[in-house]
C-alpha atoms as a PDB file:
ATOM      1  CA  MET A   1      22.569   7.809  -0.757  1.00  0.00           C
ATOM      2  CA  SER A   2      24.684   4.767  -1.666  1.00  0.00           C
ATOM      3  CA  GLY A   3      26.786   5.048   1.593  1.00  0.00           C
ATOM      4  CA  VAL A   4      23.545   5.039   3.904  1.00  0.00           C
ATOM      5  CA  GLN A   5      23.322   1.830   5.795  1.00  0.00           C
ATOM      6  CA  THR A   6      19.957   0.386   6.282  1.00  0.00           C
ATOM      7  CA  SER A   7      19.239  -1.669   9.615  1.00  0.00           C
ATOM      8  CA  PRO A   8      18.226  -5.035   9.407  1.00  0.00           C
ATOM      9  CA  ILE A   9      15.085  -4.523  11.304  1.00  0.00           C
ATOM     10  CA  ILE A  10      13.779  -2.403   8.709  1.00  0.00           C
ATOM     11  CA  PRO A  11      11.794  -4.474   5.807  1.00  0.00           C
ATOM     12  CA  LYS A  12      13.126  -4.212   2.355  1.00  0.00           C
ATOM     13  CA  PRO A  13      10.569  -3.683  -0.555  1.00  0.00           C
ATOM     14  CA  ARG A  14       9.502  -7.386  -2.245  1.00  0.00           C
ATOM     15  CA  GLY A  15      11.241  -7.868  -5.488  1.00  0.00           C
ATOM     16  CA  ARG A  16       9.715 -10.053  -7.832  1.00  0.00           C
ATOM     17  CA  ARG A  17      11.250 -13.565  -6.959  1.00  0.00           C
ATOM     18  CA  ALA A  18       7.601 -15.025  -6.718  1.00  0.00           C
ATOM     19  CA  HIS A  19       6.775 -14.211 -10.174  1.00  0.00           C
ATOM     20  CA  TYR A  20      10.171 -15.476 -11.466  1.00  0.00           C
ATOM     21  CA  ALA A  21       9.348 -18.716  -9.702  1.00  0.00           C
ATOM     22  CA  THR A  22       5.756 -19.041 -11.173  1.00  0.00           C
ATOM     23  CA  TRP A  23       7.531 -18.878 -14.818  1.00  0.00           C
ATOM     24  CA  GLY A  24      10.427 -21.449 -13.622  1.00  0.00           C
ATOM     25  CA  PHE A  25       7.018 -23.845 -12.428  1.00  0.00           C
ATOM     26  CA  ILE A  26       5.797 -23.364 -16.068  1.00  0.00           C
ATOM     27  CA  VAL A  27       8.835 -24.328 -17.415  1.00  0.00           C
ATOM     28  CA  LEU A  28       9.234 -27.497 -15.596  1.00  0.00           C
ATOM     29  CA  CYS A  29       5.749 -28.401 -16.419  1.00  0.00           C
ATOM     30  CA  ILE A  30       5.918 -28.001 -20.155  1.00  0.00           C
ATOM     31  CA  PHE A  31       9.200 -29.862 -19.672  1.00  0.00           C
ATOM     32  CA  ALA A  32       7.680 -32.553 -17.971  1.00  0.00           C
ATOM     33  CA  MET A  33       4.733 -33.186 -20.399  1.00  0.00           C
ATOM     34  CA  TYR A  34       7.054 -32.759 -22.987  1.00  0.00           C
ATOM     35  CA  HIS A  35       8.911 -36.052 -22.067  1.00  0.00           C
ATOM     36  CA  MET A  36       5.675 -37.755 -21.354  1.00  0.00           C
ATOM     37  CA  GLU A  37       5.058 -37.691 -24.876  1.00  0.00           C
ATOM     38  CA  GLN A  38       1.145 -36.303 -24.170  1.00  0.00           C
ATOM     39  CA  SER A  39      -0.600 -35.121 -27.445  1.00  0.00           C
ATOM     40  CA  TRP A  40      -0.022 -31.357 -27.382  1.00  0.00           C
ATOM     41  CA  HIS A  41      -4.032 -30.547 -29.136  1.00  0.00           C
ATOM     42  CA  HIS A  42      -5.395 -33.152 -25.774  1.00  0.00           C
ATOM     43  CA  LEU A  43      -3.330 -30.700 -23.308  1.00  0.00           C
ATOM     44  CA  ALA A  44      -4.410 -27.536 -25.238  1.00  0.00           C
ATOM     45  CA  GLU A  45      -7.985 -28.854 -25.068  1.00  0.00           C
ATOM     46  CA  TYR A  46      -7.490 -29.247 -21.341  1.00  0.00           C
ATOM     47  CA  VAL A  47      -5.791 -26.001 -20.754  1.00  0.00           C
ATOM     48  CA  THR A  48      -8.606 -23.977 -22.517  1.00  0.00           C
ATOM     49  CA  PHE A  49     -11.060 -25.667 -21.129  1.00  0.00           C
ATOM     50  CA  TYR A  50      -9.763 -24.724 -17.577  1.00  0.00           C
ATOM     51  CA  PHE A  51      -8.902 -21.309 -18.309  1.00  0.00           C
ATOM     52  CA  ALA A  52     -12.390 -20.479 -19.301  1.00  0.00           C
ATOM     53  CA  ALA A  53     -13.666 -22.313 -16.024  1.00  0.00           C
ATOM     54  CA  LEU A  54     -11.176 -19.694 -14.540  1.00  0.00           C
ATOM     55  CA  GLN A  55     -12.675 -16.433 -15.952  1.00  0.00           C
ATOM     56  CA  ILE A  56     -16.775 -17.705 -15.690  1.00  0.00           C
ATOM     57  CA  GLY A  57     -15.604 -18.374 -12.061  1.00  0.00           C
ATOM     58  CA  ALA A  58     -13.857 -14.506 -11.786  1.00  0.00           C
ATOM     59  CA  LEU A  59     -16.923 -13.034 -13.428  1.00  0.00           C
ATOM     60  CA  LEU A  60     -19.499 -14.943 -11.642  1.00  0.00           C
ATOM     61  CA  ARG A  61     -18.432 -13.845  -8.520  1.00  0.00           C
ATOM     62  CA  GLY A  62     -18.203 -10.016  -9.486  1.00  0.00           C
ATOM     63  CA  VAL A  63     -22.000 -10.736 -10.186  1.00  0.00           C
ATOM     64  CA  CYS A  64     -22.579 -12.206  -7.034  1.00  0.00           C
ATOM     65  CA  ASN A  65     -20.788  -9.338  -5.309  1.00  0.00           C
ATOM     66  CA  LEU A  66     -22.835  -6.708  -7.133  1.00  0.00           C
ATOM     67  CA  MET A  67     -26.103  -8.235  -6.201  1.00  0.00           C
ATOM     68  CA  GLU A  68     -25.298  -7.290  -2.239  1.00  0.00           C
ATOM     69  CA  GLU A  69     -23.590  -4.060  -3.390  1.00  0.00           C
ATOM     70  CA  ILE A  70     -26.450  -2.653  -4.815  1.00  0.00           C
ATOM     71  CA  TRP A  71     -27.756  -2.420  -1.670  1.00  0.00           C
ATOM     72  CA  HIS A  72     -25.051  -0.045   0.008  1.00  0.00           C
ATOM     73  CA  VAL A  73     -25.290   2.288  -3.293  1.00  0.00           C
ATOM     74  CA  GLN A  74     -26.085   5.249  -1.091  1.00  0.00           C
ATOM     75  CA  SER A  75     -23.839   4.467   2.098  1.00  0.00           C
ATOM     76  CA  ARG A  76     -20.798   3.006   0.422  1.00  0.00           C
ATOM     77  CA  TYR A  77     -20.508   4.602  -3.228  1.00  0.00           C
ATOM     78  CA  ARG A  78     -22.281   7.883  -3.005  1.00  0.00           C
ATOM     79  CA  SER A  79     -25.418   6.713  -4.986  1.00  0.00           C
ATOM     80  CA  SER A  80     -22.986   6.338  -7.707  1.00  0.00           C
ATOM     81  CA  TRP A  81     -24.066   2.638  -9.813  1.00  0.00           C
ATOM     82  CA  TRP A  82     -20.599   3.199 -12.196  1.00  0.00           C
ATOM     83  CA  ARG A  83     -18.780   3.014  -8.865  1.00  0.00           C
ATOM     84  CA  VAL A  84     -20.619  -0.125  -7.688  1.00  0.00           C
ATOM     85  CA  VAL A  85     -20.274  -1.620 -10.948  1.00  0.00           C
ATOM     86  CA  VAL A  86     -16.416  -0.906 -11.232  1.00  0.00           C
ATOM     87  CA  ALA A  87     -15.665  -2.110  -7.426  1.00  0.00           C
ATOM     88  CA  CYS A  88     -17.544  -5.219  -8.029  1.00  0.00           C
ATOM     89  CA  LEU A  89     -16.109  -6.427 -11.814  1.00  0.00           C
ATOM     90  CA  SER A  90     -13.176  -4.411 -12.076  1.00  0.00           C
ATOM     91  CA  PRO A  91     -10.491  -5.476 -13.167  1.00  0.00           C
ATOM     92  CA  SER A  92     -12.774  -8.550 -14.251  1.00  0.00           C
ATOM     93  CA  LEU A  93     -14.706  -6.399 -16.108  1.00  0.00           C
ATOM     94  CA  ARG A  94     -11.669  -5.545 -18.201  1.00  0.00           C
ATOM     95  CA  ARG A  95      -9.380  -8.146 -18.190  1.00  0.00           C
ATOM     96  CA  HIS A  96     -11.598 -11.717 -17.252  1.00  0.00           C
ATOM     97  CA  MET A  97     -13.879 -10.956 -20.036  1.00  0.00           C
ATOM     98  CA  LEU A  98     -11.171 -10.783 -23.104  1.00  0.00           C
ATOM     99  CA  LEU A  99      -9.786 -14.033 -21.001  1.00  0.00           C
ATOM    100  CA  LEU A 100     -13.140 -15.570 -21.427  1.00  0.00           C
ATOM    101  CA  LEU A 101     -13.778 -14.818 -25.102  1.00  0.00           C
ATOM    102  CA  ILE A 102     -10.581 -15.984 -26.336  1.00  0.00           C
ATOM    103  CA  SER A 103     -11.110 -18.841 -24.278  1.00  0.00           C
ATOM    104  CA  ILE A 104     -14.274 -19.828 -25.522  1.00  0.00           C
ATOM    105  CA  CYS A 105     -13.153 -18.732 -29.334  1.00  0.00           C
ATOM    106  CA  ALA A 106      -9.980 -21.292 -28.679  1.00  0.00           C
ATOM    107  CA  TYR A 107     -12.501 -24.008 -26.904  1.00  0.00           C
ATOM    108  CA  MET A 108     -14.653 -23.955 -30.184  1.00  0.00           C
ATOM    109  CA  ALA A 109     -11.701 -24.229 -32.620  1.00  0.00           C
ATOM    110  CA  LEU A 110      -9.969 -27.535 -30.652  1.00  0.00           C
ATOM    111  CA  PHE A 111     -13.083 -29.228 -29.615  1.00  0.00           C
ATOM    112  CA  GLY A 112     -15.521 -27.911 -32.536  1.00  0.00           C
ATOM    113  CA  ASP A 113     -18.747 -28.357 -30.652  1.00  0.00           C
ATOM    114  CA  THR A 114     -21.806 -27.218 -32.314  1.00  0.00           C
ATOM    115  CA  GLY A 115     -23.439 -23.833 -30.670  1.00  0.00           C
ATOM    116  CA  LEU A 116     -25.863 -25.752 -28.110  1.00  0.00           C
ATOM    117  CA  GLN A 117     -22.665 -28.232 -27.057  1.00  0.00           C
ATOM    118  CA  LEU A 118     -21.003 -25.003 -26.245  1.00  0.00           C
ATOM    119  CA  PHE A 119     -23.624 -23.787 -24.329  1.00  0.00           C
ATOM    120  CA  LEU A 120     -24.246 -26.311 -21.810  1.00  0.00           C
ATOM    121  CA  ASN A 121     -20.692 -26.928 -21.467  1.00  0.00           C
ATOM    122  CA  LEU A 122     -20.650 -23.194 -20.427  1.00  0.00           C
ATOM    123  CA  ILE A 123     -23.849 -24.202 -17.884  1.00  0.00           C
ATOM    124  CA  LEU A 124     -22.092 -26.854 -16.490  1.00  0.00           C
ATOM    125  CA  LEU A 125     -18.988 -24.282 -15.714  1.00  0.00           C
ATOM    126  CA  CYS A 126     -21.338 -21.766 -14.002  1.00  0.00           C
ATOM    127  CA  LEU A 127     -22.588 -24.505 -12.340  1.00  0.00           C
ATOM    128  CA  CYS A 128     -19.886 -26.309 -10.633  1.00  0.00           C
ATOM    129  CA  GLN A 129     -18.119 -22.237 -10.164  1.00  0.00           C
ATOM    130  CA  LEU A 130     -21.550 -21.378  -8.181  1.00  0.00           C
ATOM    131  CA  LEU A 131     -21.498 -24.651  -6.504  1.00  0.00           C
ATOM    132  CA  SER A 132     -18.137 -24.059  -5.056  1.00  0.00           C
ATOM    133  CA  PHE A 133     -18.897 -20.652  -4.241  1.00  0.00           C
ATOM    134  CA  ALA A 134     -22.014 -21.714  -2.076  1.00  0.00           C
ATOM    135  CA  PHE A 135     -19.776 -24.599  -0.219  1.00  0.00           C
ATOM    136  CA  GLY A 136     -16.965 -22.021   0.412  1.00  0.00           C
ATOM    137  CA  LEU A 137     -14.898 -23.920  -1.598  1.00  0.00           C
ATOM    138  CA  GLN A 138     -13.063 -21.137  -3.333  1.00  0.00           C
ATOM    139  CA  VAL A 139     -13.257 -18.201  -0.848  1.00  0.00           C
ATOM    140  CA  ARG A 140      -9.927 -18.480   1.323  1.00  0.00           C
ATOM    141  CA  SER A 141      -8.139 -15.818   3.370  1.00  0.00           C
ATOM    142  CA  PRO A 142      -5.144 -14.311   1.833  1.00  0.00           C
ATOM    143  CA  SER A 143      -1.915 -15.092   3.639  1.00  0.00           C
ATOM    144  CA  ALA A 144      -0.254 -12.972   5.909  1.00  0.00           C
ATOM    145  CA  VAL A 145       2.659 -12.532   2.819  1.00  0.00           C
ATOM    146  CA  GLU A 146      -0.061 -11.467  -0.010  1.00  0.00           C
ATOM    147  CA  VAL A 147      -2.331  -8.937   2.651  1.00  0.00           C
ATOM    148  CA  SER A 148       1.365  -7.413   3.305  1.00  0.00           C
ATOM    149  CA  GLU A 149       2.558  -7.393  -0.066  1.00  0.00           C
ATOM    150  CA  ILE A 150      -0.678  -5.254  -1.080  1.00  0.00           C
ATOM    151  CA  CYS A 151      -0.665  -3.059   1.911  1.00  0.00           C
ATOM    152  CA  GLU A 152       3.057  -2.340   0.599  1.00  0.00           C
ATOM    153  CA  LYS A 153       2.334  -1.867  -3.042  1.00  0.00           C
ATOM    154  CA  ASN A 154      -0.712   0.523  -2.542  1.00  0.00           C
ATOM    155  CA  ASN A 155       1.082   2.330   0.047  1.00  0.00           C
ATOM    156  CA  ARG A 156      -1.363   1.410   3.314  1.00  0.00           C
ATOM    157  CA  ASN A 157       1.327   0.131   5.702  1.00  0.00           C
ATOM    158  CA  VAL A 158       1.123   1.540   9.197  1.00  0.00           C
ATOM    159  CA  ALA A 159       4.151   3.294   8.966  1.00  0.00           C
ATOM    160  CA  GLN A 160       2.806   4.974   5.790  1.00  0.00           C
ATOM    161  CA  GLY A 161      -0.289   6.161   7.617  1.00  0.00           C
ATOM    162  CA  LEU A 162       1.750   7.595  10.664  1.00  0.00           C
ATOM    163  CA  ALA A 163       3.834   9.109   8.062  1.00  0.00           C
ATOM    164  CA  TRP A 164       0.300  10.731   7.001  1.00  0.00           C
ATOM    165  CA  SER A 165      -0.867  11.410   9.883  1.00  0.00           C
ATOM    166  CA  TYR A 166       2.451  12.961  11.483  1.00  0.00           C
ATOM    167  CA  TYR A 167       2.209  15.232   8.266  1.00  0.00           C
ATOM    168  CA  VAL A 168      -1.437  16.672   8.755  1.00  0.00           C
ATOM    169  CA  GLY A 169      -1.973  16.583  12.438  1.00  0.00           C
ATOM    170  CA  TYR A 170       0.979  18.431  12.929  1.00  0.00           C
ATOM    171  CA  LEU A 171       3.818  19.199   9.886  1.00  0.00           C
ATOM    172  CA  LYS A 172       1.544  20.737   8.093  1.00  0.00           C
ATOM    173  CA  LEU A 173       0.603  23.231  11.014  1.00  0.00           C
ATOM    174  CA  VAL A 174       3.733  23.846  12.564  1.00  0.00           C
ATOM    175  CA  LEU A 175       5.796  24.314   9.063  1.00  0.00           C
ATOM    176  CA  PRO A 176       4.318  27.601   7.603  1.00  0.00           C
ATOM    177  CA  ARG A 177       4.437  29.724  10.839  1.00  0.00           C
ATOM    178  CA  LEU A 178       8.255  28.355  11.785  1.00  0.00           C
ATOM    179  CA  LYS A 179      10.048  31.189  10.551  1.00  0.00           C
ATOM    180  CA  ASP A 180       7.303  33.518  12.033  1.00  0.00           C
ATOM    181  CA  LEU A 181       8.076  31.710  15.536  1.00  0.00           C
ATOM    182  CA  ILE A 182      12.407  32.240  14.941  1.00  0.00           C
ATOM    183  CA  SER A 183      11.785  35.795  14.494  1.00  0.00           C
ATOM    184  CA  GLU A 184      10.064  36.462  17.401  1.00  0.00           C
ATOM    185  CA  PHE A 185      12.253  34.397  19.182  1.00  0.00           C
ATOM    186  CA  ASN A 186      15.362  36.149  17.646  1.00  0.00           C
ATOM    187  CA  ARG A 187      13.963  39.618  18.792  1.00  0.00           C
ATOM    188  CA  ALA A 188      13.708  38.389  22.446  1.00  0.00           C
ATOM    189  CA  ASN A 189      17.097  36.472  21.966  1.00  0.00           C
ATOM    190  CA  ASN A 190      19.374  39.157  20.792  1.00  0.00           C
ATOM    191  CA  ASN A 191      19.261  37.613  17.549  1.00  0.00           C
ATOM    192  CA  LEU A 192      20.183  34.290  18.680  1.00  0.00           C
ATOM    193  CA  LEU A 193      19.350  32.441  15.268  1.00  0.00           C
ATOM    194  CA  LYS A 194      20.538  35.276  12.946  1.00  0.00           C
ATOM    195  CA  CYS A 195      21.229  33.019   9.793  1.00  0.00           C
ATOM    196  CA  LYS A 196      18.436  32.344   8.111  1.00  0.00           C
ATOM    197  CA  GLU A 197      19.488  29.616   5.897  1.00  0.00           C
ATOM    198  CA  THR A 198      19.249  27.443   9.314  1.00  0.00           C
ATOM    199  CA  TRP A 199      15.597  28.322   9.817  1.00  0.00           C
ATOM    200  CA  LYS A 200      14.711  24.929  10.214  1.00  0.00           C
ATOM    201  CA  LEU A 201      13.304  22.424  12.246  1.00  0.00           C
ATOM    202  CA  HIS A 202      15.302  19.287  12.416  1.00  0.00           C
ATOM    203  CA  ILE A 203      13.398  15.944  12.613  1.00  0.00           C
ATOM    204  CA  LEU A 204      15.438  13.038  13.988  1.00  0.00           C
ATOM    205  CA  LEU A 205      14.775   9.312  12.398  1.00  0.00           C
ATOM    206  CA  PRO A 206      16.706   6.994  14.198  1.00  0.00           C
ATOM    207  CA  VAL A 207      17.010   3.649  12.566  1.00  0.00           C
ATOM    208  CA  SER A 208      16.601   1.939  15.487  1.00  0.00           C
ATOM    209  CA  CYS A 209      13.320   3.574  15.964  1.00  0.00           C
ATOM    210  CA  GLU A 210      14.462   4.162  19.924  1.00  0.00           C
ATOM    211  CA  ILE A 211      13.801   7.447  21.156  1.00  0.00           C
ATOM    212  CA  TYR A 212      14.543   9.332  23.533  1.00  0.00           C
ATOM    213  CA  ASP A 213      12.728  11.833  25.834  1.00  0.00           C
ATOM    214  CA  ASP A 214      15.613  14.111  26.341  1.00  0.00           C
ATOM    215  CA  LEU A 215      18.166  14.089  23.714  1.00  0.00           C
ATOM    216  CA  GLN A 216      21.215  14.576  25.772  1.00  0.00           C
ATOM    217  CA  LYS A 217      20.361  11.062  26.777  1.00  0.00           C
ATOM    218  CA  ALA A 218      21.458   9.615  23.298  1.00  0.00           C
ATOM    219  CA  ASP A 219      24.194  12.056  22.858  1.00  0.00           C
ATOM    220  CA  SER A 220      25.977  13.829  25.487  1.00  0.00           C
ATOM    221  CA  HIS A 221      27.540  16.472  23.185  1.00  0.00           C
ATOM    222  CA  ILE A 222      23.586  18.011  22.580  1.00  0.00           C
ATOM    223  CA  GLN A 223      22.185  19.749  25.592  1.00  0.00           C
ATOM    224  CA  TYR A 224      19.072  21.740  25.907  1.00  0.00           C
ATOM    225  CA  TRP A 225      18.940  25.637  25.776  1.00  0.00           C
ATOM    226  CA  LYS A 226      15.446  27.032  25.024  1.00  0.00           C
ATOM    227  CA  ASP A 227      12.218  26.738  23.618  1.00  0.00           C
ATOM    228  CA  LEU A 228      10.775  28.640  20.699  1.00  0.00           C
ATOM    229  CA  PRO A 229       7.608  30.510  21.423  1.00  0.00           C
ATOM    230  CA  ALA A 230       4.277  28.272  21.419  1.00  0.00           C
ATOM    231  CA  LEU A 231       2.223  28.002  18.606  1.00  0.00           C
ATOM    232  CA  GLN A 232      -1.759  27.937  19.706  1.00  0.00           C
ATOM    233  CA  LEU A 233      -4.023  26.887  17.611  1.00  0.00           C
ATOM    234  CA  ASP A 234      -7.937  25.728  17.825  1.00  0.00           C
ATOM    235  CA  ARG A 235      -7.638  22.264  17.004  1.00  0.00           C
ATOM    236  CA  ALA A 236     -10.653  19.045  16.839  1.00  0.00           C
ATOM    237  CA  GLY A 237     -12.578  21.207  19.726  1.00  0.00           C
ATOM    238  CA  THR A 238      -9.741  22.047  21.508  1.00  0.00           C
ATOM    239  CA  LYS A 239      -9.453  25.776  21.977  1.00  0.00           C
ATOM    240  CA  TRP A 240      -5.574  27.180  21.757  1.00  0.00           C
ATOM    241  CA  ARG A 241      -3.748  23.708  21.656  1.00  0.00           C
ATOM    242  CA  SER A 242       0.210  23.824  21.914  1.00  0.00           C
ATOM    243  CA  TYR A 243       2.954  23.314  19.275  1.00  0.00           C
ATOM    244  CA  LYS A 244       6.109  23.632  21.102  1.00  0.00           C
ATOM    245  CA  GLN A 245       9.683  23.623  19.453  1.00  0.00           C
ATOM    246  CA  SER A 246      12.397  23.430  21.438  1.00  0.00           C
ATOM    247  CA  ILE A 247      16.204  24.836  20.969  1.00  0.00           C
ATOM    248  CA  TYR A 248      19.286  22.583  21.499  1.00  0.00           C
ATOM    249  CA  THR A 249      22.994  23.441  21.274  1.00  0.00           C
ATOM    250  CA  ILE A 250      25.531  21.165  20.203  1.00  0.00           C
ATOM    251  CA  LEU A 251      28.552  21.590  21.729  1.00  0.00           C
ATOM    252  CA  GLY A 252      31.254  21.006  18.631  1.00  0.00           C
ATOM    253  CA  GLU A 253      35.505  21.035  19.444  1.00  0.00           C
ATOM    254  CA  ASP A 254      35.452  24.656  19.888  1.00  0.00           C
ATOM    255  CA  LYS A 255      32.150  26.050  18.685  1.00  0.00           C
ATOM    256  CA  LYS A 256      28.221  25.859  19.723  1.00  0.00           C
ATOM    257  CA  VAL A 257      25.486  25.729  17.178  1.00  0.00           C
ATOM    258  CA  HIS A 258      22.042  26.174  18.165  1.00  0.00           C
ATOM    259  CA  LEU A 259      18.789  24.759  16.322  1.00  0.00           C
ATOM    260  CA  SER A 260      15.584  23.367  16.635  1.00  0.00           C
ATOM    261  CA  SER A 261      15.323  19.733  16.720  1.00  0.00           C
ATOM    262  CA  ARG A 262      12.860  16.891  17.855  1.00  0.00           C
ATOM    263  CA  PHE A 263      12.381  13.375  17.379  1.00  0.00           C
ATOM    264  CA  SER A 264       9.292  12.224  14.792  1.00  0.00           C
ATOM    265  CA  SER A 265       6.409  10.967  17.454  1.00  0.00           C
END
C-alpha cells in the first residue's frame, strides 16, 4: 500500500497539530508569567477559581438541557430516563464533576475560606454562568473545521454515509447471489467464466471521482460484451426491481479476459 498515490483532491485525516499547538501556547504562557515575577500562589488562586467556573458552567449547561429533554423522553429516548441523563450530562457527569471537586478542594486549600464564604463564592459563580447562558454569551456555533473534525472522528462524513448506503442498498443484496448468476450465465454461454476464482464483481473507485457511463471511454482496451442475468427483488414497495451487471472484455497483448465490472455509484 506504500506505493499507492493519493490524489491531492482527497483530504487526508487530521493529525494532532492543534493539540501540540495548545501545549505550545501553555508553555509560552508559563514562560511569560515566570519572567513577570508574579507570585505563584496568587496565580494558582486565579487558575483554580477559573477552573471551578468552567466546570460549574459545564454542569449547569447539562442541567439546563435536562430540563428541556425530560419533555421528549418518549419520542427521543424511548422512555428511558437513563438515556436522557447520559445525553445531557455525559461526559460532564464523569469528567467535569471530578474536576469540579478537585477545583473546590484546591480552592479551599489556597484561599482558606470558611464554609459559608465558599458557598457564597459558588453561588456567585453559578449566577455568572447562568447570566451568560441567559444572554447567549457562551453559546456559539462550532466552526466549520470543528464540525468537520467531529464528523471525521465519528465516521459521519458524507462519503462514509454514501458507502454505507451503497453496501446496504446494493452490495448486500447482489454479492450473496453473484455466484448463482454467474453459474446461470455460464450455462447459457458455453461455460465462458469457467475459473471460479474470478467469479467476482470488480467495483471501480477512481481516485479522481470521474465516472464514465461507458467503460470503453475510460480505456479503449475495455469493451462491453454481455450482461449477467438480471437479479429481480421486491424492494421498498417496488415489485421485481432489477439489478443487472455487465460483462466486459479486456483486450491485452495476446489474450482476452472477461470479467464483471462497474463503477461504484
